[in-house]
Amino acid sequence: MKDEDRDAAHLWDMRDFAREVQRLVHRVTLDQLLGNSMRKLALERVLELLGEAARRVSENTRRKHPGIDWRRLSGQRNVLAHDYGVIDHRRLYDAAREKIPLLIAELDRILGEP
């Protein structure tokens, strides 16, 4: 399989995971998130999967799409996957509310969908 074909699949996965992150925080306050361990764990896991899909995108495709913060996505995945200390759910929530909608818009543009 060519890198371009794999990259397209990873970009689709990224968008699917980003949309799931958005669903997890839709109409949910930070306090509600912090009080719900299942939702916190789900948010952690989906963000980890999003970062893993981003990590698998080839360097060539990453260079073509500088509007995505590839390093941050991969770095966040590493923190979640390898448990580098305490997870700051406030930061995850803020990223989910503020950055994920922008990521979805960029992925929609890349994938040629509204």
C-alpha atoms as a PDB file:
ATOM      1  CA  MET A   1       0.000   0.000   0.000  1.00  0.00           C
ATOM      2  CA  LYS A   2       1.307   3.458  -0.901  1.00  0.00           C
ATOM      3  CA  ASP A   3       1.981   6.091   1.749  1.00  0.00           C
ATOM      4  CA  GLU A   4      -0.741   8.274   0.229  1.00  0.00           C
ATOM      5  CA  ASP A   5      -3.321   5.509   0.626  1.00  0.00           C
ATOM      6  CA  ARG A   6      -2.288   4.833   4.215  1.00  0.00           C
ATOM      7  CA  ASP A   7      -2.226   8.539   4.966  1.00  0.00           C
ATOM      8  CA  ALA A   8      -5.759   8.993   3.677  1.00  0.00           C
ATOM      9  CA  ALA A   9      -6.932   6.216   5.990  1.00  0.00           C
ATOM     10  CA  HIS A  10      -5.102   7.790   8.945  1.00  0.00           C
ATOM     11  CA  LEU A  11      -6.604  11.206   8.172  1.00  0.00           C
ATOM     12  CA  TRP A  12     -10.090   9.668   8.101  1.00  0.00           C
ATOM     13  CA  ASP A  13      -9.356   7.960  11.420  1.00  0.00           C
ATOM     14  CA  MET A  14      -8.155  11.241  12.867  1.00  0.00           C
ATOM     15  CA  ARG A  15     -11.369  12.957  11.852  1.00  0.00           C
ATOM     16  CA  ASP A  16     -13.515  10.142  13.260  1.00  0.00           C
ATOM     17  CA  PHE A  17     -11.652  10.262  16.579  1.00  0.00           C
ATOM     18  CA  ALA A  18     -11.803  14.070  16.675  1.00  0.00           C
ATOM     19  CA  ARG A  19     -15.561  13.940  16.149  1.00  0.00           C
ATOM     20  CA  GLU A  20     -15.847  11.416  18.973  1.00  0.00           C
ATOM     21  CA  VAL A  21     -13.885  13.761  21.246  1.00  0.00           C
ATOM     22  CA  GLN A  22     -16.318  16.510  20.325  1.00  0.00           C
ATOM     23  CA  ARG A  23     -19.279  14.265  21.190  1.00  0.00           C
ATOM     24  CA  LEU A  24     -17.741  13.415  24.563  1.00  0.00           C
ATOM     25  CA  VAL A  25     -17.604  17.065  25.648  1.00  0.00           C
ATOM     26  CA  HIS A  26     -20.736  18.326  23.904  1.00  0.00           C
ATOM     27  CA  ARG A  27     -22.973  20.003  26.490  1.00  0.00           C
ATOM     28  CA  VAL A  28     -20.668  18.810  29.263  1.00  0.00           C
ATOM     29  CA  THR A  29     -19.131  21.228  31.732  1.00  0.00           C
ATOM     30  CA  LEU A  30     -15.659  20.749  33.124  1.00  0.00           C
ATOM     31  CA  ASP A  31     -17.150  19.861  36.513  1.00  0.00           C
ATOM     32  CA  GLN A  32     -19.369  17.238  34.904  1.00  0.00           C
ATOM     33  CA  LEU A  33     -16.352  15.752  33.147  1.00  0.00           C
ATOM     34  CA  LEU A  34     -14.277  15.707  36.321  1.00  0.00           C
ATOM     35  CA  GLY A  35     -17.099  13.996  38.196  1.00  0.00           C
ATOM     36  CA  ASN A  36     -17.534  11.212  35.644  1.00  0.00           C
ATOM     37  CA  SER A  37     -14.665   8.728  35.591  1.00  0.00           C
ATOM     38  CA  MET A  38     -16.023   6.824  32.578  1.00  0.00           C
ATOM     39  CA  ARG A  39     -16.218   9.997  30.492  1.00  0.00           C
ATOM     40  CA  LYS A  40     -12.711  11.031  31.601  1.00  0.00           C
ATOM     41  CA  LEU A  41     -11.292   7.650  30.630  1.00  0.00           C
ATOM     42  CA  ALA A  42     -13.144   7.716  27.314  1.00  0.00           C
ATOM     43  CA  LEU A  43     -11.779  11.183  26.550  1.00  0.00           C
ATOM     44  CA  GLU A  44      -8.247  10.055  27.389  1.00  0.00           C
ATOM     45  CA  ARG A  45      -8.527   6.990  25.189  1.00  0.00           C
ATOM     46  CA  VAL A  46     -10.017   8.728  22.166  1.00  0.00           C
ATOM     47  CA  LEU A  47      -7.395  11.487  22.350  1.00  0.00           C
ATOM     48  CA  GLU A  48      -4.737   8.787  22.549  1.00  0.00           C
ATOM     49  CA  LEU A  49      -6.161   7.095  19.443  1.00  0.00           C
ATOM     50  CA  LEU A  50      -6.315  10.447  17.656  1.00  0.00           C
ATOM     51  CA  GLY A  51      -2.645  11.031  18.437  1.00  0.00           C
ATOM     52  CA  GLU A  52      -1.739   7.533  17.305  1.00  0.00           C
ATOM     53  CA  ALA A  53      -3.449   8.066  13.949  1.00  0.00           C
ATOM     54  CA  ALA A  54      -1.649  11.422  13.597  1.00  0.00           C
ATOM     55  CA  ARG A  55       1.677   9.781  14.441  1.00  0.00           C
ATOM     56  CA  ARG A  56       1.216   7.328  11.588  1.00  0.00           C
ATOM     57  CA  VAL A  57       0.778  10.022   8.914  1.00  0.00           C
ATOM     58  CA  SER A  58       3.877  10.230   6.709  1.00  0.00           C
ATOM     59  CA  GLU A  59       6.278  13.140   7.002  1.00  0.00           C
ATOM     60  CA  ASN A  60       5.528  14.114   3.407  1.00  0.00           C
ATOM     61  CA  THR A  61       1.810  14.521   4.114  1.00  0.00           C
ATOM     62  CA  ARG A  62       2.546  16.354   7.363  1.00  0.00           C
ATOM     63  CA  ARG A  63       4.630  18.898   5.463  1.00  0.00           C
ATOM     64  CA  LYS A  64       1.757  19.433   3.020  1.00  0.00           C
ATOM     65  CA  HIS A  65      -0.615  20.286   5.870  1.00  0.00           C
ATOM     66  CA  PRO A  66       1.106  22.639   8.312  1.00  0.00           C
ATOM     67  CA  GLY A  67      -2.295  23.768   9.636  1.00  0.00           C
ATOM     68  CA  ILE A  68      -2.304  20.680  11.846  1.00  0.00           C
ATOM     69  CA  ASP A  69      -0.104  20.672  14.926  1.00  0.00           C
ATOM     70  CA  TRP A  70       1.265  17.182  14.333  1.00  0.00           C
ATOM     71  CA  ARG A  71       3.825  17.444  17.099  1.00  0.00           C
ATOM     72  CA  ARG A  72       1.255  18.402  19.729  1.00  0.00           C
ATOM     73  CA  LEU A  73      -1.080  15.570  18.713  1.00  0.00           C
ATOM     74  CA  SER A  74       1.702  12.995  18.882  1.00  0.00           C
ATOM     75  CA  GLY A  75       3.070  14.456  22.102  1.00  0.00           C
ATOM     76  CA  GLN A  76      -0.307  14.344  23.768  1.00  0.00           C
ATOM     77  CA  ARG A  77      -0.659  10.724  22.686  1.00  0.00           C
ATOM     78  CA  ASN A  78       2.690   9.909  24.296  1.00  0.00           C
ATOM     79  CA  VAL A  79       1.693  11.514  27.576  1.00  0.00           C
ATOM     80  CA  LEU A  80      -1.576   9.586  27.652  1.00  0.00           C
ATOM     81  CA  ALA A  81      -0.123   6.269  26.489  1.00  0.00           C
ATOM     82  CA  HIS A  82       2.947   6.290  28.716  1.00  0.00           C
ATOM     83  CA  ASP A  83       1.454   7.996  31.764  1.00  0.00           C
ATOM     84  CA  TYR A  84       4.099  10.680  32.224  1.00  0.00           C
ATOM     85  CA  GLY A  85       2.671  11.810  35.550  1.00  0.00           C
ATOM     86  CA  VAL A  86      -0.803  12.994  36.410  1.00  0.00           C
ATOM     87  CA  ILE A  87      -3.174  13.638  33.531  1.00  0.00           C
ATOM     88  CA  ASP A  88      -4.560  17.173  33.568  1.00  0.00           C
ATOM     89  CA  HIS A  89      -8.181  16.698  32.551  1.00  0.00           C
ATOM     90  CA  ARG A  90      -8.743  20.447  32.535  1.00  0.00           C
ATOM     91  CA  ARG A  91      -6.185  20.741  29.711  1.00  0.00           C
ATOM     92  CA  LEU A  92      -7.757  17.823  27.844  1.00  0.00           C
ATOM     93  CA  TYR A  93     -11.186  19.431  28.209  1.00  0.00           C
ATOM     94  CA  ASP A  94      -9.919  22.809  27.007  1.00  0.00           C
ATOM     95  CA  ALA A  95      -8.229  21.173  24.004  1.00  0.00           C
ATOM     96  CA  ALA A  96     -11.395  19.232  23.221  1.00  0.00           C
ATOM     97  CA  ARG A  97     -13.530  22.366  23.350  1.00  0.00           C
ATOM     98  CA  GLU A  98     -11.157  24.812  21.641  1.00  0.00           C
ATOM     99  CA  LYS A  99      -8.746  22.940  19.367  1.00  0.00           C
ATOM    100  CA  ILE A 100     -10.687  19.897  18.222  1.00  0.00           C
ATOM    101  CA  PRO A 101     -13.295  21.917  16.256  1.00  0.00           C
ATOM    102  CA  LEU A 102     -10.430  23.605  14.383  1.00  0.00           C
ATOM    103  CA  LEU A 103      -8.790  20.238  13.728  1.00  0.00           C
ATOM    104  CA  ILE A 104     -12.050  18.834  12.379  1.00  0.00           C
ATOM    105  CA  ALA A 105     -12.449  21.812  10.059  1.00  0.00           C
ATOM    106  CA  GLU A 106      -8.904  21.351   8.757  1.00  0.00           C
ATOM    107  CA  LEU A 107      -9.385  17.614   8.256  1.00  0.00           C
ATOM    108  CA  ASP A 108     -12.679  18.270   6.446  1.00  0.00           C
ATOM    109  CA  ARG A 109     -10.815  20.658   4.141  1.00  0.00           C
ATOM    110  CA  ILE A 110      -8.032  18.146   3.510  1.00  0.00           C
ATOM    111  CA  LEU A 111     -10.434  15.307   2.884  1.00  0.00           C
ATOM    112  CA  GLY A 112     -12.572  17.504   0.649  1.00  0.00           C
ATOM    113  CA  GLU A 113     -15.738  17.288   2.678  1.00  0.00           C
ATOM    114  CA  PRO A 114     -17.995  19.950   4.147  1.00  0.00           C
END
